[in-house]
């Protein structure tokens, strides 16, 4: 409840329905997160030749995922700015509608190229949705309730992580591959109805002049940077000229963006916030934890399905402990922060994530299921005690009228960190695997030998085509992958430990509550 000594900044009509509004926001977040987790279990079916799948190549499958990531990451910051200026409810509803349309088009794709294009449309919708959800949350809850609301918001990510693979597995057992996209449509319809009747409009009452140069620089810089990261991961070579050119250009353009923002009177984002150690540590922690975790998510899918032989549904069920931990602990993380402070809470959380990642070095082809369940639960517990506190630190560092920009920064660092994790750790996995399996490919025909060493899926695919002659490749492929996974897990754990060091040094400890600066007008109750 709001303290009697604290001025209420949210209108009573909005305050009364704040939890119903949060439920609608969670629906919106659900479709964005759920879609990527669903697609991960469908890629093998989409790669199957027609009429079962689309016959997509490995590169086309990667771009079916990466086209979404590229558009999503490139437009996140701009979408947050537009929400602050034009209205967050408008952005939320527009993004949800675009996402729904993209889902329908993706479901009826007749070729891998169409699927890649329509996934980009979904990325546009997701970019409009993600910043708006958190920005609206900050404008319908009073400051003292924001940590609790953010914890529930973060816990809904755990729900999506669990629902996605399980739903995808069930759908693929009974329907064609396009059903994994059509499942978004009823969620989109329900979310739009809830937004229309429950969610209030809010915007920055004093947005200042538009900053088209800053907006253009942010889009160009993020797209170039993320493209370079993705391409480097595809090639498993970050010294490739195209990778160096696009990544370097992205960094240079973003540096120009920072210089531009520091010089103009009405910047899109106040760069001085990054001089605050707690703010800088919070955004760095988000990037580092998603760098570590997204890389592991990438190779754990292959471990469960290719080495352990699990079906997509069984693989999805294995993620349940992680999701349950997030849903159980994220809404309660604020209580731990109140007692021990954000610094200790996040340091322990990061350390738990590092322990979970390091545990993958002990996994082999016969590791008991209950052991894997414990490891995933530990990871989820760590995540639940990192994401809410650092998100609160970011969002409460900015005035409420800049909530869209703050939410966009939060999402951008998470997305770029995740893309970098998949690219870098995926490259490590690929390089180590190739070096390990190379000595076992002598009996493979010369024409397919190079392709057979690209990944465990490629090796097992060649072994299957060779029939009895290919059986001797299965064991070495499993051994090579496990060795590569162990090496990659060490790198992931090291990154998580760096994150623990960052939050341990720079996040604040226990602090007394501070009144919110009266910088902005309250949210309106308009529909």
Protein backbone atom coordinates (compact mmCIF):
# COMPACT_ATOMS: atom_id res chain seq x y z
CA UNK A 1 0.00 0.00 0.00
CA UNK A 2 1.10 3.58 -0.58
CA UNK A 3 2.41 5.30 2.52
CA UNK A 4 0.15 8.06 3.89
CA UNK A 5 3.12 10.43 3.72
CA UNK A 6 3.74 9.67 0.05
CA UNK A 7 1.74 11.61 -2.51
CA UNK A 8 -0.19 9.29 -4.80
CA UNK A 9 0.80 9.90 -8.42
CA UNK A 10 -1.57 7.38 -10.03
CA UNK A 11 -5.26 8.31 -10.45
CA UNK A 12 -7.62 6.34 -8.22
CA UNK A 13 -9.48 4.81 -11.19
CA UNK A 14 -6.22 3.41 -12.58
CA UNK A 15 -4.94 2.40 -9.15
CA UNK A 16 -8.02 0.23 -8.50
CA UNK A 17 -7.50 -1.85 -11.64
CA UNK A 18 -3.70 -1.99 -11.56
CA UNK A 19 -3.50 -5.77 -11.07
CA UNK A 20 -5.90 -6.41 -13.94
CA UNK A 21 -3.72 -4.13 -16.10
CA UNK A 22 -0.65 -6.13 -15.06
CA UNK A 23 -2.39 -9.33 -16.16
CA UNK A 24 -2.99 -7.81 -19.61
CA UNK A 25 0.65 -6.73 -19.83
CA UNK A 26 1.74 -10.26 -18.96
CA UNK A 27 -0.38 -11.59 -21.84
CA UNK A 28 1.46 -9.21 -24.16
CA UNK A 29 4.84 -10.25 -22.82
CA UNK A 30 3.83 -13.91 -23.03
CA UNK A 31 3.42 -13.95 -26.81
CA UNK A 32 6.76 -12.20 -27.43
CA UNK A 33 8.79 -14.56 -25.22
CA UNK A 34 6.71 -17.66 -25.98
CA UNK A 35 7.21 -17.34 -29.73
CA UNK A 36 10.98 -17.72 -29.66
CA UNK A 37 10.88 -20.64 -27.22
CA UNK A 38 8.26 -22.39 -29.36
CA UNK A 39 10.30 -21.97 -32.54
CA UNK A 40 13.32 -23.67 -30.96
CA UNK A 41 11.42 -26.98 -30.81
CA UNK A 42 10.05 -26.62 -34.34
CA UNK A 43 13.27 -26.06 -36.29
CA UNK A 44 13.87 -29.76 -36.96
CA UNK A 45 10.38 -30.18 -38.44
CA UNK A 46 10.72 -27.01 -40.56
CA UNK A 47 13.98 -28.43 -41.94
CA UNK A 48 12.15 -31.58 -43.11
CA UNK A 49 11.39 -31.59 -46.86
CA UNK A 50 7.88 -30.79 -48.08
CA UNK A 51 5.07 -31.60 -47.49
CA UNK A 52 5.96 -32.12 -43.78
CA UNK A 53 8.21 -29.06 -43.52
CA UNK A 54 9.75 -26.42 -45.76
CA UNK A 55 13.04 -28.16 -46.43
CA UNK A 56 14.91 -25.23 -44.86
CA UNK A 57 18.71 -25.38 -44.81
CA UNK A 58 20.74 -24.79 -41.65
CA UNK A 59 21.43 -21.22 -42.77
CA UNK A 60 17.74 -20.58 -43.52
CA UNK A 61 16.75 -21.94 -40.11
CA UNK A 62 19.24 -19.64 -38.43
CA UNK A 63 17.86 -16.65 -40.30
CA UNK A 64 14.28 -17.63 -39.44
CA UNK A 65 15.40 -16.99 -35.85
CA UNK A 66 17.84 -14.17 -36.56
CA UNK A 67 15.57 -12.02 -38.76
CA UNK A 68 13.29 -11.64 -35.73
CA UNK A 69 16.26 -10.86 -33.48
CA UNK A 70 17.74 -8.33 -35.90
CA UNK A 71 14.55 -6.28 -36.30
CA UNK A 72 13.57 -6.67 -32.65
CA UNK A 73 16.93 -5.50 -31.28
CA UNK A 74 17.38 -2.76 -33.86
CA UNK A 75 14.04 -1.08 -33.18
CA UNK A 76 13.66 -1.57 -29.41
CA UNK A 77 15.14 1.76 -28.41
CA UNK A 78 13.20 3.68 -31.06
CA UNK A 79 9.97 1.92 -30.04
CA UNK A 80 10.50 3.03 -26.44
CA UNK A 81 11.00 6.64 -27.54
CA UNK A 82 7.87 6.54 -29.70
CA UNK A 83 5.88 5.19 -26.77
CA UNK A 84 7.00 8.06 -24.54
CA UNK A 85 6.10 10.57 -27.26
CA UNK A 86 2.97 9.15 -28.94
CA UNK A 87 1.49 7.04 -26.15
CA UNK A 88 2.48 3.65 -24.72
CA UNK A 89 -0.99 2.14 -25.09
CA UNK A 90 -0.97 3.02 -28.80
CA UNK A 91 2.43 1.35 -29.24
CA UNK A 92 1.36 -1.70 -27.25
CA UNK A 93 -1.81 -2.25 -29.25
CA UNK A 94 -0.11 -1.56 -32.59
CA UNK A 95 2.74 -3.93 -31.77
CA UNK A 96 0.39 -6.67 -30.62
CA UNK A 97 -1.68 -6.38 -33.80
CA UNK A 98 1.44 -6.43 -36.02
CA UNK A 99 2.74 -9.45 -34.12
CA UNK A 100 -0.56 -11.27 -34.66
CA UNK A 101 -0.59 -10.51 -38.39
CA UNK A 102 3.04 -11.63 -38.69
CA UNK A 103 2.18 -14.87 -36.88
CA UNK A 104 -0.60 -15.71 -39.34
CA UNK A 105 1.62 -14.95 -42.33
CA UNK A 106 4.48 -17.02 -40.87
CA UNK A 107 2.12 -19.97 -40.35
CA UNK A 108 1.15 -20.04 -44.02
CA UNK A 109 4.66 -19.46 -45.40
CA UNK A 110 5.25 -21.41 -48.60
CA UNK A 111 9.04 -21.15 -48.55
CA UNK A 112 11.91 -20.54 -46.12
CA UNK A 113 12.35 -17.06 -47.61
CA UNK A 114 8.76 -16.14 -46.77
CA UNK A 115 9.17 -17.49 -43.26
CA UNK A 116 12.27 -15.35 -42.75
CA UNK A 117 10.45 -12.23 -44.00
CA UNK A 118 7.35 -12.78 -41.86
CA UNK A 119 9.49 -13.48 -38.80
CA UNK A 120 10.95 -10.01 -39.35
CA UNK A 121 7.39 -8.62 -39.27
CA UNK A 122 6.90 -10.40 -35.94
CA UNK A 123 10.15 -8.82 -34.74
CA UNK A 124 8.72 -5.38 -35.53
CA UNK A 125 5.61 -6.17 -33.48
CA UNK A 126 7.68 -7.51 -30.61
CA UNK A 127 9.87 -4.39 -30.58
CA UNK A 128 6.78 -2.19 -30.17
CA UNK A 129 5.33 -4.43 -27.42
CA UNK A 130 8.29 -5.09 -25.14
CA UNK A 131 9.21 -1.53 -23.99
CA UNK A 132 5.54 -0.55 -23.67
CA UNK A 133 4.70 -3.32 -21.18
CA UNK A 134 7.27 -2.24 -18.61
CA UNK A 135 6.69 1.48 -19.23
CA UNK A 136 2.95 1.13 -18.62
CA UNK A 137 3.65 -0.91 -15.48
CA UNK A 138 5.77 1.94 -14.10
CA UNK A 139 2.90 4.35 -14.72
CA UNK A 140 0.06 2.37 -13.11
CA UNK A 141 1.87 1.33 -9.90
CA UNK A 142 3.08 3.61 -7.15
CA UNK A 143 6.82 3.55 -6.50
CA UNK A 144 6.59 1.33 -3.40
CA UNK A 145 4.61 -1.33 -5.31
CA UNK A 146 6.78 -1.26 -8.43
CA UNK A 147 9.32 -3.86 -7.20
CA UNK A 148 6.50 -6.35 -6.51
CA UNK A 149 4.89 -5.68 -9.89
CA UNK A 150 8.22 -5.99 -11.72
CA UNK A 151 8.85 -9.28 -9.91
CA UNK A 152 5.53 -10.66 -11.17
CA UNK A 153 6.29 -9.26 -14.65
CA UNK A 154 9.67 -11.03 -14.63
CA UNK A 155 8.07 -14.22 -13.31
CA UNK A 156 5.79 -14.28 -16.35
CA UNK A 157 8.93 -14.77 -18.45
CA UNK A 158 9.39 -18.05 -16.60
CA UNK A 159 5.82 -19.00 -17.50
CA UNK A 160 6.53 -18.30 -21.18
CA UNK A 161 9.78 -20.29 -21.04
CA UNK A 162 7.82 -23.29 -19.78
CA UNK A 163 4.69 -22.89 -21.88
CA UNK A 164 6.57 -22.34 -25.16
CA UNK A 165 8.44 -25.64 -25.61
CA UNK A 166 5.63 -27.72 -24.08
CA UNK A 167 2.98 -26.09 -26.26
CA UNK A 168 5.23 -26.44 -29.29
CA UNK A 169 5.82 -30.12 -28.56
CA UNK A 170 2.09 -30.86 -28.18
CA UNK A 171 1.21 -28.95 -31.36
CA UNK A 172 3.90 -30.67 -33.42
CA UNK A 173 2.67 -34.06 -32.21
CA UNK A 174 -0.80 -33.38 -33.61
CA UNK A 175 -0.61 -30.60 -36.24
CA UNK A 176 1.63 -29.17 -38.95
CA UNK A 177 4.58 -26.89 -38.18
CA UNK A 178 2.61 -23.67 -38.84
CA UNK A 179 0.48 -24.32 -35.77
CA UNK A 180 3.35 -23.07 -33.57
CA UNK A 181 2.68 -19.59 -34.99
CA UNK A 182 -1.12 -19.72 -35.16
CA UNK A 183 -1.24 -20.43 -31.42
CA UNK A 184 -0.31 -16.75 -30.94
CA UNK A 185 -3.56 -15.54 -32.52
CA UNK A 186 -6.04 -16.27 -29.67
CA UNK A 187 -3.58 -14.78 -27.16
CA UNK A 188 -3.29 -11.66 -29.34
CA UNK A 189 -7.09 -11.29 -29.53
CA UNK A 190 -7.52 -11.63 -25.75
CA UNK A 191 -4.66 -9.20 -25.12
CA UNK A 192 -6.10 -6.57 -27.49
CA UNK A 193 -9.53 -6.76 -25.81
CA UNK A 194 -7.93 -6.33 -22.39
CA UNK A 195 -5.82 -3.40 -23.59
CA UNK A 196 -8.81 -1.65 -25.11
CA UNK A 197 -10.89 -1.72 -21.93
CA UNK A 198 -8.35 -1.75 -19.10
CA UNK A 199 -5.02 -0.17 -20.02
CA UNK A 200 -4.80 3.64 -19.63
CA UNK A 201 -2.88 5.83 -22.03
CA UNK A 202 0.28 7.52 -20.81
CA UNK A 203 3.04 9.53 -22.43
CA UNK A 204 5.74 12.05 -21.64
CA UNK A 205 3.90 15.38 -21.11
CA UNK A 206 7.05 17.31 -22.08
CA UNK A 207 8.81 15.21 -24.72
CA UNK A 208 10.89 18.07 -26.13
CA UNK A 209 11.97 18.23 -29.74
CA UNK A 210 12.13 15.11 -31.86
CA UNK A 211 15.68 13.79 -32.31
CA UNK A 212 15.64 12.21 -35.81
CA UNK A 213 19.43 12.06 -36.03
CA UNK A 214 19.68 10.21 -32.70
CA UNK A 215 16.88 7.83 -33.68
CA UNK A 216 18.54 7.09 -37.02
CA UNK A 217 21.94 6.53 -35.41
CA UNK A 218 20.48 4.18 -32.78
CA UNK A 219 18.70 2.04 -35.40
CA UNK A 220 21.68 1.91 -37.77
CA UNK A 221 24.15 1.18 -34.98
CA UNK A 222 22.11 -1.58 -33.36
CA UNK A 223 21.24 -3.27 -36.67
CA UNK A 224 24.88 -3.24 -37.83
CA UNK A 225 26.15 -4.48 -34.47
CA UNK A 226 23.60 -7.29 -34.13
CA UNK A 227 24.04 -8.32 -37.78
CA UNK A 228 27.81 -8.56 -37.28
CA UNK A 229 27.33 -10.63 -34.14
CA UNK A 230 24.87 -12.97 -35.84
CA UNK A 231 27.04 -13.36 -38.94
CA UNK A 232 30.13 -14.07 -36.84
CA UNK A 233 28.23 -16.79 -35.02
CA UNK A 234 27.04 -18.32 -38.30
CA UNK A 235 30.56 -18.48 -39.68
CA UNK A 236 32.13 -19.38 -36.33
CA UNK A 237 34.69 -16.77 -37.34
CA UNK A 238 34.72 -13.24 -35.95
CA UNK A 239 37.75 -12.31 -38.07
CA UNK A 240 35.77 -12.55 -41.32
CA UNK A 241 36.00 -9.18 -43.19
CA UNK A 242 32.20 -8.73 -43.36
CA UNK A 243 31.88 -9.48 -39.63
CA UNK A 244 34.65 -7.05 -38.72
CA UNK A 245 33.23 -4.37 -41.03
CA UNK A 246 29.61 -4.53 -39.79
CA UNK A 247 30.48 -4.98 -36.11
CA UNK A 248 33.05 -2.19 -36.22
CA UNK A 249 30.65 0.09 -38.09
CA UNK A 250 27.91 -0.66 -35.55
CA UNK A 251 30.18 0.24 -32.63
CA UNK A 252 31.33 3.40 -34.41
CA UNK A 253 27.76 4.51 -35.17
CA UNK A 254 26.67 3.86 -31.58
CA UNK A 255 29.67 5.86 -30.36
CA UNK A 256 28.50 8.66 -32.66
CA UNK A 257 25.04 8.30 -31.13
CA UNK A 258 26.48 8.81 -27.64
CA UNK A 259 28.45 11.90 -28.73
CA UNK A 260 25.37 13.32 -30.45
CA UNK A 261 23.15 12.71 -27.40
CA UNK A 262 25.64 14.47 -25.11
CA UNK A 263 25.67 17.58 -27.29
CA UNK A 264 22.01 18.25 -28.06
CA UNK A 265 19.52 20.07 -25.85
CA UNK A 266 16.76 17.43 -26.00
CA UNK A 267 18.51 14.05 -26.16
CA UNK A 268 16.63 10.79 -26.74
CA UNK A 269 18.40 9.36 -23.68
CA UNK A 270 20.32 11.23 -21.00
CA UNK A 271 23.78 9.64 -21.22
CA UNK A 272 24.64 10.97 -17.75
CA UNK A 273 22.58 8.12 -16.25
CA UNK A 274 25.38 5.75 -17.26
CA UNK A 275 27.72 7.65 -14.95
CA UNK A 276 25.71 6.29 -12.02
CA UNK A 277 27.48 3.06 -10.96
CA UNK A 278 24.22 1.33 -9.94
CA UNK A 279 22.54 2.09 -13.28
CA UNK A 280 25.55 1.05 -15.37
CA UNK A 281 26.01 -2.11 -13.30
CA UNK A 282 22.33 -3.03 -13.70
CA UNK A 283 22.31 -2.81 -17.51
CA UNK A 284 25.68 -4.61 -17.65
CA UNK A 285 24.32 -7.40 -15.43
CA UNK A 286 21.34 -7.90 -17.76
CA UNK A 287 23.63 -8.18 -20.79
CA UNK A 288 26.04 -10.56 -19.07
CA UNK A 289 23.44 -12.92 -17.64
CA UNK A 290 21.66 -13.22 -20.98
CA UNK A 291 24.99 -13.67 -22.75
CA UNK A 292 25.70 -16.66 -20.54
CA UNK A 293 22.20 -18.14 -20.48
CA UNK A 294 21.25 -17.79 -24.15
CA UNK A 295 24.40 -19.61 -25.19
CA UNK A 296 23.51 -22.49 -22.88
CA UNK A 297 19.89 -22.51 -24.08
CA UNK A 298 21.25 -22.89 -27.59
CA UNK A 299 23.40 -25.97 -26.90
CA UNK A 300 21.10 -27.57 -24.30
CA UNK A 301 18.43 -28.09 -26.98
CA UNK A 302 20.90 -30.13 -29.04
CA UNK A 303 22.09 -31.98 -25.95
CA UNK A 304 18.56 -33.02 -24.98
CA UNK A 305 17.33 -33.92 -28.47
CA UNK A 306 20.44 -35.07 -30.36
CA UNK A 307 22.45 -36.74 -27.59
CA UNK A 308 19.72 -37.83 -25.18
CA UNK A 309 17.17 -38.57 -27.93
CA UNK A 310 14.32 -36.64 -26.29
CA UNK A 311 11.31 -35.51 -28.30
CA UNK A 312 10.53 -31.77 -28.54
CA UNK A 313 7.83 -32.21 -25.88
CA UNK A 314 10.17 -34.07 -23.52
CA UNK A 315 12.81 -31.38 -24.03
CA UNK A 316 10.24 -28.73 -23.17
CA UNK A 317 9.28 -30.57 -20.00
CA UNK A 318 12.94 -30.59 -18.93
CA UNK A 319 12.84 -26.76 -18.79
CA UNK A 320 9.95 -26.82 -16.31
CA UNK A 321 12.17 -26.69 -13.17
CA UNK A 322 13.81 -23.48 -14.45
CA UNK A 323 10.44 -21.93 -15.21
CA UNK A 324 8.90 -23.00 -11.89
CA UNK A 325 11.82 -21.46 -9.98
CA UNK A 326 11.42 -18.18 -11.84
CA UNK A 327 7.67 -18.06 -11.32
CA UNK A 328 8.02 -18.93 -7.63
CA UNK A 329 10.89 -16.65 -6.64
CA UNK A 330 10.82 -13.63 -8.99
CA UNK A 331 7.67 -12.08 -7.42
CA UNK A 332 9.27 -12.50 -3.98
CA UNK A 333 12.73 -11.19 -4.88
CA UNK A 334 11.81 -7.76 -3.51
CA UNK A 335 11.51 -9.26 -0.02
CA UNK A 336 15.04 -10.61 -0.24
CA UNK A 337 16.27 -7.22 -1.52
CA UNK A 338 14.50 -5.45 1.37
CA UNK A 339 16.30 -7.65 3.87
CA UNK A 340 19.76 -8.07 2.32
CA UNK A 341 20.05 -5.31 -0.30
CA UNK A 342 20.28 -5.50 -4.09
CA UNK A 343 24.05 -6.03 -4.09
CA UNK A 344 24.08 -9.23 -2.05
CA UNK A 345 20.87 -10.55 -3.63
CA UNK A 346 22.12 -10.14 -7.21
CA UNK A 347 25.65 -11.34 -6.41
CA UNK A 348 24.27 -14.57 -4.95
CA UNK A 349 21.83 -14.86 -7.87
CA UNK A 350 24.63 -14.48 -10.43
CA UNK A 351 26.72 -16.99 -8.53
CA UNK A 352 23.86 -19.51 -8.63
CA UNK A 353 23.58 -19.02 -12.38
CA UNK A 354 27.35 -19.61 -12.68
CA UNK A 355 27.07 -22.81 -10.62
CA UNK A 356 24.22 -24.03 -12.80
CA UNK A 357 26.16 -23.32 -15.98
CA UNK A 358 29.32 -24.95 -14.65
CA UNK A 359 27.28 -28.05 -13.80
CA UNK A 360 26.89 -28.73 -17.52
CA UNK A 361 30.54 -29.81 -17.50
CA UNK A 362 29.44 -32.92 -15.59
CA UNK A 363 26.61 -33.86 -17.97
CA UNK A 364 27.10 -36.90 -20.18
CA UNK A 365 24.84 -39.16 -22.25
CA UNK A 366 23.55 -40.94 -19.11
CA UNK A 367 23.18 -38.14 -16.56
CA UNK A 368 20.04 -38.85 -14.46
CA UNK A 369 17.03 -36.70 -15.25
CA UNK A 370 16.69 -35.59 -11.61
CA UNK A 371 20.23 -34.16 -11.67
CA UNK A 372 19.40 -32.10 -14.76
CA UNK A 373 16.19 -30.96 -13.08
CA UNK A 374 18.12 -29.68 -10.05
CA UNK A 375 20.58 -27.80 -12.27
CA UNK A 376 17.78 -26.10 -14.21
CA UNK A 377 16.03 -25.22 -10.93
CA UNK A 378 19.23 -23.62 -9.58
CA UNK A 379 19.56 -21.58 -12.78
CA UNK A 380 15.95 -20.41 -12.54
CA UNK A 381 16.40 -19.47 -8.88
CA UNK A 382 19.47 -17.41 -9.73
CA UNK A 383 17.66 -15.66 -12.58
CA UNK A 384 14.69 -14.89 -10.32
CA UNK A 385 16.96 -13.01 -7.93
CA UNK A 386 18.75 -11.04 -10.66
CA UNK A 387 16.17 -9.79 -13.16
CA UNK A 388 13.66 -8.05 -10.83
CA UNK A 389 16.26 -6.11 -8.75
CA UNK A 390 18.30 -4.91 -11.74
CA UNK A 391 15.13 -4.00 -13.66
CA UNK A 392 13.92 -1.99 -10.67
CA UNK A 393 17.33 -0.28 -10.48
CA UNK A 394 17.11 0.74 -14.15
CA UNK A 395 13.48 1.83 -14.17
CA UNK A 396 13.55 3.77 -10.90
CA UNK A 397 16.72 5.60 -11.93
CA UNK A 398 14.78 7.40 -14.66
CA UNK A 399 11.82 9.77 -14.21
CA UNK A 400 8.46 8.10 -14.76
CA UNK A 401 7.81 10.07 -17.97
CA UNK A 402 10.92 8.44 -19.50
CA UNK A 403 9.72 4.92 -18.65
CA UNK A 404 9.59 3.92 -22.32
CA UNK A 405 13.24 4.84 -22.82
CA UNK A 406 14.25 3.00 -19.64
CA UNK A 407 12.31 -0.11 -20.63
CA UNK A 408 13.85 0.01 -24.11
CA UNK A 409 17.35 0.21 -22.65
CA UNK A 410 16.60 -2.75 -20.40
CA UNK A 411 15.33 -4.82 -23.34
CA UNK A 412 18.08 -3.69 -25.74
CA UNK A 413 20.93 -4.71 -23.45
CA UNK A 414 19.22 -8.03 -22.80
CA UNK A 415 18.68 -8.69 -26.51
CA UNK A 416 22.19 -7.69 -27.60
CA UNK A 417 23.70 -9.71 -24.74
CA UNK A 418 21.64 -12.75 -25.73
CA UNK A 419 22.53 -12.44 -29.42
CA UNK A 420 26.20 -12.10 -28.52
CA UNK A 421 25.97 -15.15 -26.23
CA UNK A 422 24.45 -17.33 -28.95
CA UNK A 423 26.98 -16.11 -31.51
CA UNK A 424 30.15 -16.31 -29.41
CA UNK A 425 29.33 -19.43 -27.39
CA UNK A 426 27.78 -21.04 -30.47
CA UNK A 427 31.04 -20.39 -32.30
CA UNK A 428 33.05 -21.97 -29.49
CA UNK A 429 30.76 -25.00 -29.55
CA UNK A 430 31.02 -25.33 -33.33
CA UNK A 431 34.81 -24.90 -33.43
CA UNK A 432 35.51 -27.42 -30.67
CA UNK A 433 33.02 -29.91 -32.12
CA UNK A 434 34.55 -29.70 -35.58
CA UNK A 435 38.08 -30.25 -34.26
CA UNK A 436 36.93 -33.23 -32.18
CA UNK A 437 34.87 -35.00 -34.87
CA UNK A 438 37.31 -34.43 -37.73
CA UNK A 439 39.34 -37.56 -36.98
CA UNK A 440 36.23 -39.75 -37.18
CA UNK A 441 35.09 -38.61 -40.63
CA UNK A 442 37.66 -40.53 -42.66
CA UNK A 443 35.10 -43.04 -43.94
CA UNK A 444 32.65 -40.32 -44.99
CA UNK A 445 32.56 -39.58 -48.75
CA UNK A 446 34.74 -36.58 -49.61
CA UNK A 447 31.82 -34.64 -51.09
CA UNK A 448 29.94 -34.45 -47.78
CA UNK A 449 32.82 -34.67 -45.30
CA UNK A 450 33.08 -30.93 -44.74
CA UNK A 451 29.31 -30.51 -44.22
CA UNK A 452 29.24 -33.52 -41.88
CA UNK A 453 31.57 -31.76 -39.47
CA UNK A 454 29.53 -28.58 -39.13
CA UNK A 455 27.35 -29.74 -36.22
CA UNK A 456 26.12 -32.82 -34.42
CA UNK A 457 22.87 -32.63 -36.40
CA UNK A 458 24.84 -32.60 -39.66
CA UNK A 459 26.97 -35.57 -38.57
CA UNK A 460 23.95 -37.61 -37.46
CA UNK A 461 22.12 -36.72 -40.68
CA UNK A 462 25.02 -38.02 -42.79
CA UNK A 463 25.25 -41.14 -40.59
CA UNK A 464 21.56 -41.84 -41.19
CA UNK A 465 21.92 -41.47 -44.96
CA UNK A 466 24.89 -43.85 -44.97
CA UNK A 467 22.81 -46.56 -43.31
CA UNK A 468 24.74 -49.36 -41.54
CA UNK A 469 28.02 -47.80 -42.65
CA UNK A 470 27.22 -44.66 -40.71
CA UNK A 471 26.54 -46.28 -37.35
CA UNK A 472 30.16 -45.88 -36.29
CA UNK A 473 29.74 -42.09 -36.49
CA UNK A 474 27.03 -41.84 -33.81
CA UNK A 475 29.23 -42.55 -30.79
CA UNK A 476 32.05 -40.19 -31.83
CA UNK A 477 29.48 -37.49 -32.65
CA UNK A 478 27.99 -37.73 -29.15
CA UNK A 479 31.45 -37.70 -27.55
CA UNK A 480 32.60 -34.72 -29.62
CA UNK A 481 29.46 -32.76 -28.79
CA UNK A 482 29.72 -33.47 -25.07
CA UNK A 483 33.34 -32.31 -25.05
CA UNK A 484 32.38 -29.13 -26.93
CA UNK A 485 29.45 -28.55 -24.57
CA UNK A 486 31.72 -28.88 -21.53
CA UNK A 487 34.16 -26.30 -22.92
CA UNK A 488 31.34 -23.92 -23.79
CA UNK A 489 29.79 -24.33 -20.33
CA UNK A 490 33.06 -23.24 -18.73
CA UNK A 491 32.98 -20.06 -20.84
CA UNK A 492 29.35 -19.42 -19.91
CA UNK A 493 30.06 -19.85 -16.20
CA UNK A 494 33.04 -17.49 -16.46
CA UNK A 495 30.83 -14.78 -17.98
CA UNK A 496 28.27 -15.25 -15.18
CA UNK A 497 31.05 -14.88 -12.60
CA UNK A 498 32.09 -11.61 -14.25
CA UNK A 499 28.48 -10.52 -13.85
CA UNK A 500 28.61 -11.47 -10.16
CA UNK A 501 31.73 -9.34 -9.76
CA UNK A 502 30.11 -6.34 -11.50
CA UNK A 503 26.97 -6.33 -9.34
CA UNK A 504 29.00 -7.12 -6.22
CA UNK A 505 31.14 -4.04 -6.75
CA UNK A 506 28.67 -1.49 -8.05
CA UNK A 507 25.08 -2.23 -7.08
CA UNK A 508 23.90 -0.52 -3.87
CA UNK A 509 23.50 -2.43 -0.63
CA UNK A 510 20.58 -1.97 1.72
CA UNK A 511 19.05 1.49 1.41
CA UNK A 512 16.25 3.52 2.88
CA UNK A 513 13.22 4.23 0.68
CA UNK A 514 13.38 7.46 -1.25
CA UNK A 515 10.49 9.58 -2.38
CA UNK A 516 9.94 9.74 -6.10
CA UNK A 517 11.04 12.97 -7.68
CA UNK A 518 8.00 15.03 -8.72
CA UNK A 519 9.22 15.36 -12.30
CA UNK A 520 6.16 14.46 -14.29
CA UNK A 521 2.43 14.67 -14.54
CA UNK A 522 0.51 11.58 -13.44
CA UNK A 523 -0.81 9.04 -15.90
CA UNK A 524 -4.21 9.82 -17.33
CA UNK A 525 -7.15 7.48 -16.87
CA UNK A 526 -8.21 7.82 -20.49
CA UNK A 527 -8.89 4.80 -22.62
